[in-house]
N, C-alpha and C. Protein backbone atom coordinates (compact mmCIF):
# COMPACT_ATOMS: atom_id res chain seq x y z
N UNK A 1 6.99 15.02 -14.28
CA UNK A 1 6.43 14.00 -13.43
C UNK A 1 4.91 14.13 -13.46
N UNK A 2 4.25 13.01 -13.71
CA UNK A 2 2.80 12.97 -13.72
C UNK A 2 2.32 12.25 -12.48
N UNK A 3 1.44 12.92 -11.74
CA UNK A 3 0.85 12.32 -10.56
C UNK A 3 -0.57 11.88 -10.89
N UNK A 4 -0.91 10.66 -10.51
CA UNK A 4 -2.27 10.16 -10.69
C UNK A 4 -2.91 10.05 -9.31
N UNK A 5 -4.06 10.66 -9.15
CA UNK A 5 -4.80 10.58 -7.90
C UNK A 5 -5.56 9.26 -7.87
N UNK A 6 -5.41 8.51 -6.78
CA UNK A 6 -6.11 7.24 -6.62
C UNK A 6 -7.29 7.47 -5.67
N UNK A 7 -8.46 7.02 -6.08
CA UNK A 7 -9.65 7.14 -5.25
C UNK A 7 -10.54 5.93 -5.46
N UNK A 8 -11.09 5.43 -4.38
CA UNK A 8 -12.08 4.37 -4.45
C UNK A 8 -13.16 4.60 -3.40
N UNK A 9 -14.39 4.27 -3.75
CA UNK A 9 -15.49 4.35 -2.79
C UNK A 9 -15.45 3.19 -1.80
N UNK A 10 -14.57 2.20 -2.06
CA UNK A 10 -14.45 1.04 -1.18
C UNK A 10 -13.57 1.31 0.04
N UNK A 11 -13.05 2.52 0.13
CA UNK A 11 -12.28 2.96 1.30
C UNK A 11 -12.90 4.27 1.77
N UNK A 12 -12.67 4.64 3.03
CA UNK A 12 -13.26 5.89 3.53
C UNK A 12 -12.83 7.10 2.72
N UNK A 13 -13.75 8.03 2.56
CA UNK A 13 -13.43 9.31 1.93
C UNK A 13 -12.45 10.05 2.83
N UNK A 14 -11.64 10.89 2.25
CA UNK A 14 -10.69 11.69 3.02
C UNK A 14 -11.44 12.56 4.02
N UNK A 15 -10.93 12.63 5.25
CA UNK A 15 -11.56 13.48 6.27
C UNK A 15 -10.78 14.78 6.43
N UNK A 16 -9.91 15.05 5.48
CA UNK A 16 -9.11 16.28 5.49
C UNK A 16 -8.69 16.58 4.06
N UNK A 17 -7.70 17.41 3.93
CA UNK A 17 -7.23 17.81 2.60
C UNK A 17 -6.08 16.90 2.16
N UNK A 18 -6.44 15.71 1.70
CA UNK A 18 -5.46 14.74 1.20
C UNK A 18 -6.16 13.77 0.25
N UNK A 19 -5.36 13.05 -0.51
CA UNK A 19 -5.87 12.01 -1.41
C UNK A 19 -5.69 10.65 -0.74
N UNK A 20 -6.51 9.68 -1.10
CA UNK A 20 -6.33 8.33 -0.56
C UNK A 20 -4.96 7.79 -0.92
N UNK A 21 -4.52 8.09 -2.13
CA UNK A 21 -3.18 7.68 -2.57
C UNK A 21 -2.79 8.51 -3.80
N UNK A 22 -1.50 8.57 -4.05
CA UNK A 22 -0.94 9.22 -5.23
C UNK A 22 -0.01 8.22 -5.91
N UNK A 23 -0.18 8.08 -7.22
CA UNK A 23 0.66 7.18 -8.00
C UNK A 23 1.58 8.03 -8.88
N UNK A 24 2.88 7.74 -8.81
CA UNK A 24 3.88 8.39 -9.66
C UNK A 24 4.66 7.27 -10.34
N UNK A 25 4.49 7.15 -11.63
CA UNK A 25 5.06 6.07 -12.44
C UNK A 25 4.58 4.75 -11.85
N UNK A 26 5.44 3.95 -11.21
CA UNK A 26 5.05 2.66 -10.63
C UNK A 26 4.99 2.69 -9.10
N UNK A 27 5.24 3.85 -8.51
CA UNK A 27 5.24 3.95 -7.05
C UNK A 27 3.94 4.57 -6.58
N UNK A 28 3.34 3.96 -5.55
CA UNK A 28 2.08 4.45 -4.99
C UNK A 28 2.33 4.79 -3.52
N UNK A 29 1.93 6.00 -3.15
CA UNK A 29 2.05 6.48 -1.78
C UNK A 29 0.66 6.52 -1.18
N UNK A 30 0.39 5.65 -0.21
CA UNK A 30 -0.92 5.58 0.43
C UNK A 30 -0.96 6.47 1.65
N UNK A 31 -1.98 7.30 1.73
CA UNK A 31 -2.21 8.09 2.94
C UNK A 31 -2.60 7.15 4.07
N UNK A 32 -2.43 7.64 5.29
CA UNK A 32 -2.82 6.84 6.44
C UNK A 32 -4.30 6.51 6.42
N UNK A 33 -4.60 5.27 6.76
CA UNK A 33 -5.98 4.81 6.88
C UNK A 33 -6.27 4.49 8.33
N UNK A 34 -7.43 4.92 8.80
CA UNK A 34 -7.91 4.53 10.11
C UNK A 34 -9.11 3.61 9.91
N UNK A 35 -9.71 3.17 11.00
CA UNK A 35 -10.73 2.12 10.92
C UNK A 35 -12.14 2.64 10.69
N UNK A 36 -12.28 3.56 9.75
CA UNK A 36 -13.61 4.01 9.36
C UNK A 36 -14.23 3.01 8.40
N UNK A 37 -15.48 2.68 8.62
CA UNK A 37 -16.23 1.86 7.68
C UNK A 37 -16.56 2.77 6.49
N UNK A 38 -16.15 2.40 5.26
CA UNK A 38 -16.38 3.30 4.12
C UNK A 38 -17.85 3.53 3.80
N UNK A 39 -18.73 2.63 4.23
CA UNK A 39 -20.16 2.79 3.94
C UNK A 39 -20.83 3.78 4.89
N UNK A 40 -20.40 3.78 6.15
CA UNK A 40 -21.04 4.64 7.15
C UNK A 40 -20.16 5.81 7.59
N UNK A 41 -18.87 5.74 7.29
CA UNK A 41 -17.87 6.71 7.75
C UNK A 41 -17.84 6.78 9.28
N UNK A 42 -18.21 5.69 9.94
CA UNK A 42 -18.14 5.58 11.39
C UNK A 42 -16.99 4.64 11.77
N UNK A 43 -16.37 4.90 12.91
CA UNK A 43 -15.28 4.06 13.41
C UNK A 43 -15.84 2.73 13.87
N UNK A 44 -15.21 1.62 13.46
CA UNK A 44 -15.62 0.31 13.97
C UNK A 44 -15.14 0.20 15.43
N UNK A 45 -15.81 -0.65 16.19
CA UNK A 45 -15.55 -0.76 17.63
C UNK A 45 -14.57 -1.90 17.93
N UNK A 46 -13.67 -1.66 18.85
CA UNK A 46 -12.76 -2.71 19.33
C UNK A 46 -11.47 -2.76 18.55
N UNK A 47 -10.39 -3.04 19.25
CA UNK A 47 -9.07 -3.00 18.62
C UNK A 47 -8.91 -4.03 17.51
N UNK A 48 -9.36 -5.26 17.71
CA UNK A 48 -9.21 -6.29 16.68
C UNK A 48 -9.98 -5.92 15.41
N UNK A 49 -11.21 -5.44 15.58
CA UNK A 49 -12.00 -5.02 14.42
C UNK A 49 -11.37 -3.81 13.74
N UNK A 50 -10.80 -2.91 14.53
CA UNK A 50 -10.14 -1.74 13.93
C UNK A 50 -8.93 -2.16 13.10
N UNK A 51 -8.15 -3.09 13.60
CA UNK A 51 -6.97 -3.54 12.85
C UNK A 51 -7.41 -4.15 11.52
N UNK A 52 -8.39 -5.03 11.57
CA UNK A 52 -8.90 -5.65 10.33
C UNK A 52 -9.43 -4.59 9.37
N UNK A 53 -10.21 -3.62 9.88
CA UNK A 53 -10.80 -2.59 9.01
C UNK A 53 -9.72 -1.76 8.34
N UNK A 54 -8.66 -1.43 9.06
CA UNK A 54 -7.57 -0.66 8.46
C UNK A 54 -6.94 -1.45 7.32
N UNK A 55 -6.68 -2.73 7.53
CA UNK A 55 -6.11 -3.53 6.44
C UNK A 55 -7.07 -3.65 5.27
N UNK A 56 -8.37 -3.75 5.53
CA UNK A 56 -9.35 -3.79 4.43
C UNK A 56 -9.36 -2.45 3.67
N UNK A 57 -9.26 -1.34 4.39
CA UNK A 57 -9.23 -0.03 3.74
C UNK A 57 -7.98 0.12 2.89
N UNK A 58 -6.85 -0.30 3.41
CA UNK A 58 -5.59 -0.25 2.65
C UNK A 58 -5.70 -1.13 1.41
N UNK A 59 -6.30 -2.31 1.59
CA UNK A 59 -6.45 -3.22 0.45
C UNK A 59 -7.29 -2.59 -0.65
N UNK A 60 -8.37 -1.91 -0.28
CA UNK A 60 -9.24 -1.29 -1.28
C UNK A 60 -8.49 -0.22 -2.08
N UNK A 61 -7.71 0.60 -1.40
CA UNK A 61 -6.94 1.64 -2.10
C UNK A 61 -5.85 1.01 -2.95
N UNK A 62 -5.23 -0.04 -2.43
CA UNK A 62 -4.18 -0.75 -3.18
C UNK A 62 -4.74 -1.33 -4.47
N UNK A 63 -5.89 -1.97 -4.40
CA UNK A 63 -6.53 -2.54 -5.60
C UNK A 63 -6.88 -1.43 -6.58
N UNK A 64 -7.39 -0.31 -6.07
CA UNK A 64 -7.75 0.82 -6.95
C UNK A 64 -6.52 1.38 -7.66
N UNK A 65 -5.35 1.21 -7.07
CA UNK A 65 -4.11 1.70 -7.69
C UNK A 65 -3.55 0.72 -8.71
N UNK A 66 -4.15 -0.47 -8.79
CA UNK A 66 -3.66 -1.49 -9.71
C UNK A 66 -2.68 -2.44 -9.06
N UNK A 67 -2.59 -2.41 -7.74
CA UNK A 67 -1.62 -3.24 -7.03
C UNK A 67 -2.26 -4.28 -6.15
N UNK A 68 -1.40 -4.93 -5.39
CA UNK A 68 -1.83 -5.91 -4.39
C UNK A 68 -0.85 -5.85 -3.22
N UNK A 69 -1.13 -6.59 -2.17
CA UNK A 69 -0.28 -6.54 -0.99
C UNK A 69 1.15 -6.98 -1.27
N UNK A 70 1.39 -7.80 -2.29
CA UNK A 70 2.76 -8.22 -2.60
C UNK A 70 3.60 -7.05 -3.12
N UNK A 71 2.96 -5.96 -3.55
CA UNK A 71 3.68 -4.80 -4.08
C UNK A 71 4.16 -3.84 -2.99
N UNK A 72 3.73 -4.03 -1.74
CA UNK A 72 4.15 -3.13 -0.67
C UNK A 72 5.64 -3.27 -0.39
N UNK A 73 6.30 -2.13 -0.24
CA UNK A 73 7.71 -2.13 0.15
C UNK A 73 7.90 -1.54 1.55
N UNK A 74 6.94 -0.74 2.03
CA UNK A 74 7.09 -0.09 3.33
C UNK A 74 5.72 0.21 3.93
N UNK A 75 5.57 -0.10 5.22
CA UNK A 75 4.40 0.26 6.00
C UNK A 75 4.85 1.05 7.22
N UNK A 76 4.06 2.02 7.61
CA UNK A 76 4.25 2.69 8.89
C UNK A 76 2.94 2.54 9.65
N UNK A 77 3.05 1.97 10.84
CA UNK A 77 1.89 1.69 11.68
C UNK A 77 1.97 2.56 12.92
N UNK A 78 0.88 3.26 13.20
CA UNK A 78 0.79 4.11 14.39
C UNK A 78 -0.21 3.47 15.35
N UNK A 79 0.20 3.26 16.59
CA UNK A 79 -0.65 2.66 17.61
C UNK A 79 -0.77 3.58 18.82
N UNK A 80 -1.98 3.68 19.35
CA UNK A 80 -2.16 4.46 20.57
C UNK A 80 -1.84 3.62 21.80
N UNK A 81 -1.71 2.31 21.64
CA UNK A 81 -1.37 1.41 22.74
C UNK A 81 -0.42 0.34 22.21
N UNK A 82 0.85 0.44 22.61
CA UNK A 82 1.86 -0.52 22.13
C UNK A 82 1.61 -1.94 22.64
N UNK A 83 0.70 -2.12 23.60
CA UNK A 83 0.33 -3.46 24.03
C UNK A 83 -0.38 -4.23 22.92
N UNK A 84 -0.83 -3.52 21.86
CA UNK A 84 -1.49 -4.16 20.72
C UNK A 84 -0.50 -4.58 19.63
N UNK A 85 0.79 -4.40 19.87
CA UNK A 85 1.83 -4.71 18.89
C UNK A 85 1.74 -6.16 18.41
N UNK A 86 1.65 -7.13 19.32
CA UNK A 86 1.62 -8.54 18.92
C UNK A 86 0.33 -8.88 18.18
N UNK A 87 -0.78 -8.25 18.55
CA UNK A 87 -2.04 -8.48 17.84
C UNK A 87 -1.95 -7.96 16.41
N UNK A 88 -1.33 -6.81 16.22
CA UNK A 88 -1.12 -6.27 14.87
C UNK A 88 -0.29 -7.25 14.05
N UNK A 89 0.80 -7.79 14.64
CA UNK A 89 1.63 -8.76 13.93
C UNK A 89 0.83 -9.98 13.50
N UNK A 90 0.02 -10.51 14.42
CA UNK A 90 -0.78 -11.69 14.13
C UNK A 90 -1.77 -11.42 12.98
N UNK A 91 -2.49 -10.32 13.07
CA UNK A 91 -3.50 -10.00 12.05
C UNK A 91 -2.84 -9.63 10.73
N UNK A 92 -1.71 -8.95 10.78
CA UNK A 92 -1.01 -8.56 9.54
C UNK A 92 -0.68 -9.79 8.70
N UNK A 93 -0.32 -10.90 9.35
CA UNK A 93 0.02 -12.12 8.61
C UNK A 93 -1.20 -12.78 7.95
N UNK A 94 -2.40 -12.32 8.28
CA UNK A 94 -3.60 -12.79 7.58
C UNK A 94 -3.74 -12.08 6.22
N UNK A 95 -3.06 -10.96 6.06
CA UNK A 95 -3.16 -10.15 4.84
C UNK A 95 -1.88 -10.19 4.01
N UNK A 96 -0.73 -10.34 4.66
CA UNK A 96 0.56 -10.33 3.96
C UNK A 96 1.22 -11.69 4.06
N UNK A 97 1.94 -12.06 3.00
CA UNK A 97 2.75 -13.27 3.00
C UNK A 97 4.21 -12.88 3.15
N UNK A 98 5.00 -13.83 3.62
CA UNK A 98 6.44 -13.61 3.70
C UNK A 98 7.01 -13.52 2.30
N UNK A 99 7.95 -12.69 2.00
CA UNK A 99 8.55 -11.73 2.93
C UNK A 99 7.65 -10.50 3.06
N UNK A 100 7.47 -10.07 4.29
CA UNK A 100 6.64 -8.88 4.57
C UNK A 100 7.41 -7.62 4.19
N UNK A 101 6.70 -6.52 3.98
CA UNK A 101 7.38 -5.27 3.64
C UNK A 101 8.19 -4.73 4.82
N UNK A 102 9.09 -3.80 4.54
CA UNK A 102 9.76 -3.08 5.61
C UNK A 102 8.67 -2.36 6.41
N UNK A 103 8.96 -2.11 7.71
CA UNK A 103 7.89 -1.58 8.54
C UNK A 103 8.44 -0.84 9.74
N UNK A 104 7.70 0.15 10.17
CA UNK A 104 7.96 0.81 11.44
C UNK A 104 6.65 0.82 12.21
N UNK A 105 6.73 0.66 13.53
CA UNK A 105 5.56 0.77 14.40
C UNK A 105 5.88 1.86 15.41
N UNK A 106 5.01 2.85 15.47
CA UNK A 106 5.25 4.03 16.28
C UNK A 106 4.10 4.20 17.27
N UNK A 107 4.45 4.35 18.53
CA UNK A 107 3.44 4.64 19.56
C UNK A 107 3.14 6.12 19.57
N UNK A 108 1.85 6.45 19.55
CA UNK A 108 1.43 7.85 19.53
C UNK A 108 0.40 8.08 20.64
N UNK A 109 0.22 9.32 21.00
CA UNK A 109 -0.73 9.69 22.04
C UNK A 109 -2.18 9.55 21.58
N UNK A 110 -2.47 10.02 20.36
CA UNK A 110 -3.82 9.89 19.83
C UNK A 110 -3.80 9.97 18.32
N UNK A 111 -4.90 9.50 17.72
CA UNK A 111 -5.07 9.49 16.27
C UNK A 111 -6.41 10.14 15.93
N UNK A 112 -6.61 10.53 14.66
CA UNK A 112 -7.87 11.16 14.27
C UNK A 112 -9.09 10.30 14.64
N UNK A 113 -10.15 10.98 15.04
CA UNK A 113 -11.44 10.35 15.34
C UNK A 113 -11.37 9.30 16.45
N UNK A 114 -10.31 9.35 17.27
CA UNK A 114 -10.19 8.39 18.36
C UNK A 114 -9.74 7.01 17.92
N UNK A 115 -9.20 6.89 16.71
CA UNK A 115 -8.75 5.59 16.20
C UNK A 115 -7.65 5.03 17.10
N UNK A 116 -7.56 3.71 17.13
CA UNK A 116 -6.53 3.02 17.90
C UNK A 116 -5.32 2.68 17.05
N UNK A 117 -5.50 2.70 15.73
CA UNK A 117 -4.44 2.33 14.79
C UNK A 117 -4.60 3.13 13.50
N UNK A 118 -3.48 3.47 12.89
CA UNK A 118 -3.46 4.09 11.57
C UNK A 118 -2.28 3.47 10.82
N UNK A 119 -2.47 3.20 9.54
CA UNK A 119 -1.40 2.62 8.72
C UNK A 119 -1.30 3.39 7.41
N UNK A 120 -0.06 3.73 7.04
CA UNK A 120 0.23 4.31 5.73
C UNK A 120 1.27 3.41 5.07
N UNK A 121 1.42 3.55 3.75
CA UNK A 121 2.37 2.67 3.08
C UNK A 121 2.80 3.16 1.72
N UNK A 122 3.82 2.47 1.23
CA UNK A 122 4.36 2.72 -0.11
C UNK A 122 4.42 1.38 -0.82
N UNK A 123 3.95 1.37 -2.07
CA UNK A 123 4.09 0.16 -2.88
C UNK A 123 4.69 0.51 -4.22
N UNK A 124 5.36 -0.46 -4.79
CA UNK A 124 5.93 -0.33 -6.13
C UNK A 124 5.26 -1.40 -6.98
N UNK A 125 4.50 -0.94 -7.97
CA UNK A 125 3.73 -1.86 -8.80
C UNK A 125 4.66 -2.69 -9.68
N UNK A 126 4.37 -3.97 -9.81
CA UNK A 126 5.24 -4.85 -10.56
C UNK A 126 5.04 -4.77 -12.07
N UNK A 127 3.91 -4.21 -12.52
CA UNK A 127 3.69 -4.14 -13.97
C UNK A 127 3.90 -2.76 -14.52
């Protein structure tokens, strides 16, 4: 098995000992992304901006892997406030088309750097 490390400067650098993503054959495993601005490595302010930033970060890593949002098969979303569930759904549809990937949304007590949302995912590249 050959693992390819995926890295892009268009997404935040890892803040721990992990890769942005790992590609094995046609499957890409994305590490969780929080709402860090990749240029400043600072958290964006406000829940709506954080949700958008996380999707932009995921998109950057996805593109670096050779994929697109249509290649996602599974997302796991972590929220510190489940009252933001419907807002996540609304914003997610700005980035994904039907049929959306399989998904889980999990309420958590806290996330790294005080983030309000974190998303990880798996995609299977079509080519």
